[in-house]
Amino acid sequence: MLVAGLMAVPTAAHAAPITKGPCWAGSWTVTRATAEVVGKKHNYFVEGGAGIKATFTPSGKRVVADYDFGGSTSLTGGATLTMSGAETFTYTFGGYGAHTQGKVALKPRTGRSGATLERSGGGGKDFSGLLRLAVGRNEDLGAIPRKGTYTCVPDKSMRIHTHGKSGRTLVTIDWELTRS
């Protein structure tokens, strides 16, 4: 008579990979961006922005944000915002490590590259020139995220929601991004 025995073989536990650093750090691609601008002079809703590349890199207490607008779509609707080239800005992001949500704030006069912005329609005066100048003068009106919050699913997606005033104009911006 032959008896087969069962023997337990130890196996290594397979845990999900641990993401080091904040979930927002790294390279992302915008899948959809929207901006709603409501004010006495400007009043519009735009959407688009697919293809904007964004890389967020921790740098001390700040975050370096590198944007590449090459190949991205314009934001269109009640106005048109077209960005081209590349730009670097500085932000602060609250919530580090395992945090998947927190606050975000642009440091507006930190742009240092040569991306351009063409903003037309939607009332008021149009803008054509360097994106960093438009941001520094509060004339970008919906082009890039400002002050608000972020929520992310590690290694998958992130949403940046900003809402605030640019002078007397209320600007709400939402960016939906996927990991690149």
C-alpha atoms as a PDB file:
ATOM      1  CA  MET A   1       0.000   0.000   0.000  1.00  0.00           C
ATOM      2  CA  LEU A   2       1.338   3.363  -0.996  1.00  0.00           C
ATOM      3  CA  VAL A   3       0.370   6.348   1.127  1.00  0.00           C
ATOM      4  CA  ALA A   4       0.990   9.824  -0.166  1.00  0.00           C
ATOM      5  CA  GLY A   5       1.767  12.393   2.462  1.00  0.00           C
ATOM      6  CA  LEU A   6       1.197  16.087   2.343  1.00  0.00           C
ATOM      7  CA  MET A   7       4.006  18.341   3.268  1.00  0.00           C
ATOM      8  CA  ALA A   8       3.675  22.067   3.835  1.00  0.00           C
ATOM      9  CA  VAL A   9       6.192  24.062   1.909  1.00  0.00           C
ATOM     10  CA  PRO A  10       6.792  27.568   3.224  1.00  0.00           C
ATOM     11  CA  THR A  11       6.287  30.319   0.645  1.00  0.00           C
ATOM     12  CA  ALA A  12       7.261  33.948   0.708  1.00  0.00           C
ATOM     13  CA  ALA A  13       4.450  36.382   1.374  1.00  0.00           C
ATOM     14  CA  HIS A  14       3.664  38.503  -1.639  1.00  0.00           C
ATOM     15  CA  ALA A  15       2.924  42.022  -0.516  1.00  0.00           C
ATOM     16  CA  ALA A  16       2.023  44.929  -2.740  1.00  0.00           C
ATOM     17  CA  PRO A  17       5.043  47.052  -3.646  1.00  0.00           C
ATOM     18  CA  ILE A  18       5.594  49.914  -1.263  1.00  0.00           C
ATOM     19  CA  THR A  19       5.581  53.302  -2.916  1.00  0.00           C
ATOM     20  CA  LYS A  20       8.298  55.456  -1.454  1.00  0.00           C
ATOM     21  CA  GLY A  21       7.681  59.154  -1.011  1.00  0.00           C
ATOM     22  CA  PRO A  22       4.489  61.084  -1.617  1.00  0.00           C
ATOM     23  CA  CYS A  23       1.988  59.637  -4.076  1.00  0.00           C
ATOM     24  CA  TRP A  24       1.994  62.815  -6.199  1.00  0.00           C
ATOM     25  CA  ALA A  25       5.751  62.648  -6.891  1.00  0.00           C
ATOM     26  CA  GLY A  26       6.828  61.580 -10.364  1.00  0.00           C
ATOM     27  CA  SER A  27       5.585  61.857 -13.932  1.00  0.00           C
ATOM     28  CA  TRP A  28       1.966  62.340 -14.947  1.00  0.00           C
ATOM     29  CA  THR A  29      -0.095  63.033 -18.064  1.00  0.00           C
ATOM     30  CA  VAL A  30      -3.223  65.182 -18.037  1.00  0.00           C
ATOM     31  CA  THR A  31      -6.214  63.286 -19.426  1.00  0.00           C
ATOM     32  CA  ARG A  32      -8.697  66.133 -18.928  1.00  0.00           C
ATOM     33  CA  ALA A  33      -8.509  69.679 -17.624  1.00  0.00           C
ATOM     34  CA  THR A  34     -11.334  72.142 -16.998  1.00  0.00           C
ATOM     35  CA  ALA A  35     -11.453  75.745 -15.899  1.00  0.00           C
ATOM     36  CA  GLU A  36     -14.409  77.893 -14.915  1.00  0.00           C
ATOM     37  CA  VAL A  37     -13.768  81.631 -14.772  1.00  0.00           C
ATOM     38  CA  VAL A  38     -16.438  83.935 -13.358  1.00  0.00           C
ATOM     39  CA  GLY A  39     -15.935  87.668 -13.000  1.00  0.00           C
ATOM     40  CA  LYS A  40     -17.017  91.087 -14.168  1.00  0.00           C
ATOM     41  CA  LYS A  41     -14.668  91.101 -17.182  1.00  0.00           C
ATOM     42  CA  HIS A  42     -14.123  87.371 -17.825  1.00  0.00           C
ATOM     43  CA  ASN A  43     -16.796  84.685 -17.819  1.00  0.00           C
ATOM     44  CA  TYR A  44     -16.195  81.259 -19.415  1.00  0.00           C
ATOM     45  CA  PHE A  45     -15.878  77.494 -19.043  1.00  0.00           C
ATOM     46  CA  VAL A  46     -13.168  75.625 -20.962  1.00  0.00           C
ATOM     47  CA  GLU A  47     -12.020  72.019 -21.154  1.00  0.00           C
ATOM     48  CA  GLY A  48      -9.262  70.080 -22.897  1.00  0.00           C
ATOM     49  CA  GLY A  49      -5.592  69.958 -21.959  1.00  0.00           C
ATOM     50  CA  ALA A  50      -5.150  66.267 -22.760  1.00  0.00           C
ATOM     51  CA  GLY A  51      -1.490  65.414 -23.208  1.00  0.00           C
ATOM     52  CA  ILE A  52       0.048  67.992 -20.867  1.00  0.00           C
ATOM     53  CA  LYS A  53       3.031  66.273 -19.229  1.00  0.00           C
ATOM     54  CA  ALA A  54       3.697  67.132 -15.575  1.00  0.00           C
ATOM     55  CA  THR A  55       6.547  65.986 -13.354  1.00  0.00           C
ATOM     56  CA  PHE A  56       6.452  66.818  -9.638  1.00  0.00           C
ATOM     57  CA  THR A  57       9.777  66.504  -7.790  1.00  0.00           C
ATOM     58  CA  PRO A  58      10.263  67.143  -4.049  1.00  0.00           C
ATOM     59  CA  SER A  59      12.968  69.744  -3.403  1.00  0.00           C
ATOM     60  CA  GLY A  60      13.297  70.493   0.314  1.00  0.00           C
ATOM     61  CA  LYS A  61      10.033  72.036   1.512  1.00  0.00           C
ATOM     62  CA  ARG A  62       9.017  72.868  -2.043  1.00  0.00           C
ATOM     63  CA  VAL A  63       7.996  70.904  -5.120  1.00  0.00           C
ATOM     64  CA  VAL A  64       9.430  71.564  -8.560  1.00  0.00           C
ATOM     65  CA  ALA A  65       6.732  71.186 -11.222  1.00  0.00           C
ATOM     66  CA  ASP A  66       7.963  70.710 -14.776  1.00  0.00           C
ATOM     67  CA  TYR A  67       5.238  71.099 -17.395  1.00  0.00           C
ATOM     68  CA  ASP A  68       5.590  70.126 -21.052  1.00  0.00           C
ATOM     69  CA  PHE A  69       2.747  71.425 -23.206  1.00  0.00           C
ATOM     70  CA  GLY A  70       4.117  70.029 -26.489  1.00  0.00           C
ATOM     71  CA  GLY A  71       1.478  67.883 -28.166  1.00  0.00           C
ATOM     72  CA  SER A  72      -1.262  68.828 -25.685  1.00  0.00           C
ATOM     73  CA  THR A  73      -4.701  70.019 -26.694  1.00  0.00           C
ATOM     74  CA  SER A  74      -5.963  73.550 -26.061  1.00  0.00           C
ATOM     75  CA  LEU A  75      -8.615  74.272 -23.453  1.00  0.00           C
ATOM     76  CA  THR A  76     -11.659  75.424 -25.406  1.00  0.00           C
ATOM     77  CA  GLY A  77     -15.264  76.414 -24.843  1.00  0.00           C
ATOM     78  CA  GLY A  78     -16.287  79.953 -23.947  1.00  0.00           C
ATOM     79  CA  ALA A  79     -12.638  80.968 -24.483  1.00  0.00           C
ATOM     80  CA  THR A  80      -9.453  79.380 -25.852  1.00  0.00           C
ATOM     81  CA  LEU A  81      -6.276  78.769 -23.838  1.00  0.00           C
ATOM     82  CA  THR A  82      -3.382  77.362 -25.863  1.00  0.00           C
ATOM     83  CA  MET A  83      -0.058  76.625 -24.188  1.00  0.00           C
ATOM     84  CA  SER A  84       3.141  75.514 -25.898  1.00  0.00           C
ATOM     85  CA  GLY A  85       6.707  74.778 -24.877  1.00  0.00           C
ATOM     86  CA  ALA A  86       7.862  73.855 -21.382  1.00  0.00           C
ATOM     87  CA  GLU A  87       7.748  75.643 -18.028  1.00  0.00           C
ATOM     88  CA  THR A  88       8.965  75.054 -14.472  1.00  0.00           C
ATOM     89  CA  PHE A  89       7.119  76.373 -11.421  1.00  0.00           C
ATOM     90  CA  THR A  90       7.464  75.856  -7.687  1.00  0.00           C
ATOM     91  CA  TYR A  91       4.616  74.579  -5.510  1.00  0.00           C
ATOM     92  CA  THR A  92       4.050  73.362  -1.992  1.00  0.00           C
ATOM     93  CA  PHE A  93       2.217  70.055  -1.527  1.00  0.00           C
ATOM     94  CA  GLY A  94       0.937  69.137   1.937  1.00  0.00           C
ATOM     95  CA  GLY A  95       0.551  65.482   2.974  1.00  0.00           C
ATOM     96  CA  TYR A  96       3.671  63.401   2.452  1.00  0.00           C
ATOM     97  CA  GLY A  97       4.560  59.713   2.686  1.00  0.00           C
ATOM     98  CA  ALA A  98       1.505  57.495   2.683  1.00  0.00           C
ATOM     99  CA  HIS A  99      -0.860  60.456   2.300  1.00  0.00           C
ATOM    100  CA  THR A 100      -3.015  60.326  -0.787  1.00  0.00           C
ATOM    101  CA  GLN A 101      -4.563  63.754  -0.374  1.00  0.00           C
ATOM    102  CA  GLY A 102      -3.585  67.187   0.799  1.00  0.00           C
ATOM    103  CA  LYS A 103      -3.163  70.818  -0.090  1.00  0.00           C
ATOM    104  CA  VAL A 104      -1.366  72.270  -3.071  1.00  0.00           C
ATOM    105  CA  ALA A 105      -0.260  75.870  -3.667  1.00  0.00           C
ATOM    106  CA  LEU A 106       1.549  77.452  -6.612  1.00  0.00           C
ATOM    107  CA  LYS A 107       4.269  80.015  -5.946  1.00  0.00           C
ATOM    108  CA  PRO A 108       3.216  82.277  -8.847  1.00  0.00           C
ATOM    109  CA  ARG A 109       6.390  84.224  -9.569  1.00  0.00           C
ATOM    110  CA  THR A 110       8.635  81.169  -9.823  1.00  0.00           C
ATOM    111  CA  GLY A 111       8.338  80.332 -13.545  1.00  0.00           C
ATOM    112  CA  ARG A 112      11.716  80.177 -15.220  1.00  0.00           C
ATOM    113  CA  SER A 113      11.374  78.638 -18.674  1.00  0.00           C
ATOM    114  CA  GLY A 114       9.812  79.727 -21.943  1.00  0.00           C
ATOM    115  CA  ALA A 115       6.326  78.257 -22.325  1.00  0.00           C
ATOM    116  CA  THR A 116       3.810  80.535 -23.998  1.00  0.00           C
ATOM    117  CA  LEU A 117       0.107  81.139 -23.441  1.00  0.00           C
ATOM    118  CA  GLU A 118      -2.437  82.405 -25.929  1.00  0.00           C
ATOM    119  CA  ARG A 119      -5.708  83.242 -24.130  1.00  0.00           C
ATOM    120  CA  SER A 120      -8.579  84.653 -26.177  1.00  0.00           C
ATOM    121  CA  GLY A 121     -12.319  85.068 -25.846  1.00  0.00           C
ATOM    122  CA  GLY A 122     -14.423  84.879 -22.723  1.00  0.00           C
ATOM    123  CA  GLY A 123     -14.626  88.637 -22.289  1.00  0.00           C
ATOM    124  CA  GLY A 124     -11.998  91.084 -21.161  1.00  0.00           C
ATOM    125  CA  LYS A 125      -8.567  91.589 -22.651  1.00  0.00           C
ATOM    126  CA  ASP A 126      -6.805  88.678 -24.405  1.00  0.00           C
ATOM    127  CA  PHE A 127      -3.267  87.584 -23.459  1.00  0.00           C
ATOM    128  CA  SER A 128      -0.396  86.437 -25.676  1.00  0.00           C
ATOM    129  CA  GLY A 129       3.063  85.892 -24.234  1.00  0.00           C
ATOM    130  CA  LEU A 130       5.130  83.963 -21.712  1.00  0.00           C
ATOM    131  CA  LEU A 131       3.091  81.733 -19.396  1.00  0.00           C
ATOM    132  CA  ARG A 132       5.228  82.712 -16.385  1.00  0.00           C
ATOM    133  CA  LEU A 133       4.384  86.396 -16.957  1.00  0.00           C
ATOM    134  CA  ALA A 134       0.661  85.612 -17.244  1.00  0.00           C
ATOM    135  CA  VAL A 135       0.783  83.603 -14.005  1.00  0.00           C
ATOM    136  CA  GLY A 136       2.811  86.284 -12.209  1.00  0.00           C
ATOM    137  CA  ARG A 137       0.250  88.943 -13.201  1.00  0.00           C
ATOM    138  CA  ASN A 138      -2.830  86.726 -12.583  1.00  0.00           C
ATOM    139  CA  GLU A 139      -3.645  86.808 -16.305  1.00  0.00           C
ATOM    140  CA  ASP A 140      -3.490  83.066 -16.993  1.00  0.00           C
ATOM    141  CA  LEU A 141      -7.135  82.661 -15.812  1.00  0.00           C
ATOM    142  CA  GLY A 142      -7.472  78.879 -15.832  1.00  0.00           C
ATOM    143  CA  ALA A 143      -4.269  77.734 -17.521  1.00  0.00           C
ATOM    144  CA  ILE A 144      -2.589  75.842 -14.641  1.00  0.00           C
ATOM    145  CA  PRO A 145      -3.504  74.727 -11.104  1.00  0.00           C
ATOM    146  CA  ARG A 146      -3.107  77.324  -8.370  1.00  0.00           C
ATOM    147  CA  LYS A 147      -4.155  76.864  -4.718  1.00  0.00           C
ATOM    148  CA  GLY A 148      -6.369  73.982  -3.638  1.00  0.00           C
ATOM    149  CA  THR A 149      -6.227  70.246  -3.029  1.00  0.00           C
ATOM    150  CA  TYR A 150      -4.992  67.029  -4.580  1.00  0.00           C
ATOM    151  CA  THR A 151      -6.224  63.446  -4.295  1.00  0.00           C
ATOM    152  CA  CYS A 152      -4.321  60.515  -5.724  1.00  0.00           C
ATOM    153  CA  VAL A 153      -4.429  56.763  -6.087  1.00  0.00           C
ATOM    154  CA  PRO A 154      -0.776  55.673  -5.744  1.00  0.00           C
ATOM    155  CA  ASP A 155       0.836  54.757  -9.074  1.00  0.00           C
ATOM    156  CA  LYS A 156      -2.455  55.249 -10.976  1.00  0.00           C
ATOM    157  CA  SER A 157      -4.212  58.609 -10.997  1.00  0.00           C
ATOM    158  CA  MET A 158      -4.346  62.046  -9.436  1.00  0.00           C
ATOM    159  CA  ARG A 159      -6.838  64.894  -9.391  1.00  0.00           C
ATOM    160  CA  ILE A 160      -5.844  68.480  -8.653  1.00  0.00           C
ATOM    161  CA  HIS A 161      -8.674  70.867  -7.756  1.00  0.00           C
ATOM    162  CA  THR A 162      -7.958  74.555  -7.268  1.00  0.00           C
ATOM    163  CA  HIS A 163     -10.430  77.274  -6.443  1.00  0.00           C
ATOM    164  CA  GLY A 164      -9.682  80.885  -5.675  1.00  0.00           C
ATOM    165  CA  LYS A 165      -9.680  84.479  -6.760  1.00  0.00           C
ATOM    166  CA  SER A 166      -7.506  86.141  -9.330  1.00  0.00           C
ATOM    167  CA  GLY A 167      -8.133  89.755  -8.472  1.00  0.00           C
ATOM    168  CA  ARG A 168     -11.941  89.948  -8.435  1.00  0.00           C
ATOM    169  CA  THR A 169     -12.368  86.951 -10.719  1.00  0.00           C
ATOM    170  CA  LEU A 170     -13.202  83.508  -9.295  1.00  0.00           C
ATOM    171  CA  VAL A 171     -11.253  80.684 -10.981  1.00  0.00           C
ATOM    172  CA  THR A 172     -11.890  76.949 -10.508  1.00  0.00           C
ATOM    173  CA  ILE A 173      -9.463  74.516 -12.154  1.00  0.00           C
ATOM    174  CA  ASP A 174      -9.614  70.702 -12.222  1.00  0.00           C
ATOM    175  CA  TRP A 175      -6.884  68.498 -13.680  1.00  0.00           C
ATOM    176  CA  GLU A 176      -7.274  64.728 -14.023  1.00  0.00           C
ATOM    177  CA  LEU A 177      -3.933  62.964 -14.489  1.00  0.00           C
ATOM    178  CA  THR A 178      -2.681  59.413 -14.994  1.00  0.00           C
ATOM    179  CA  ARG A 179       0.746  58.054 -14.108  1.00  0.00           C
ATOM    180  CA  SER A 180       3.164  58.264 -17.056  1.00  0.00           C
END
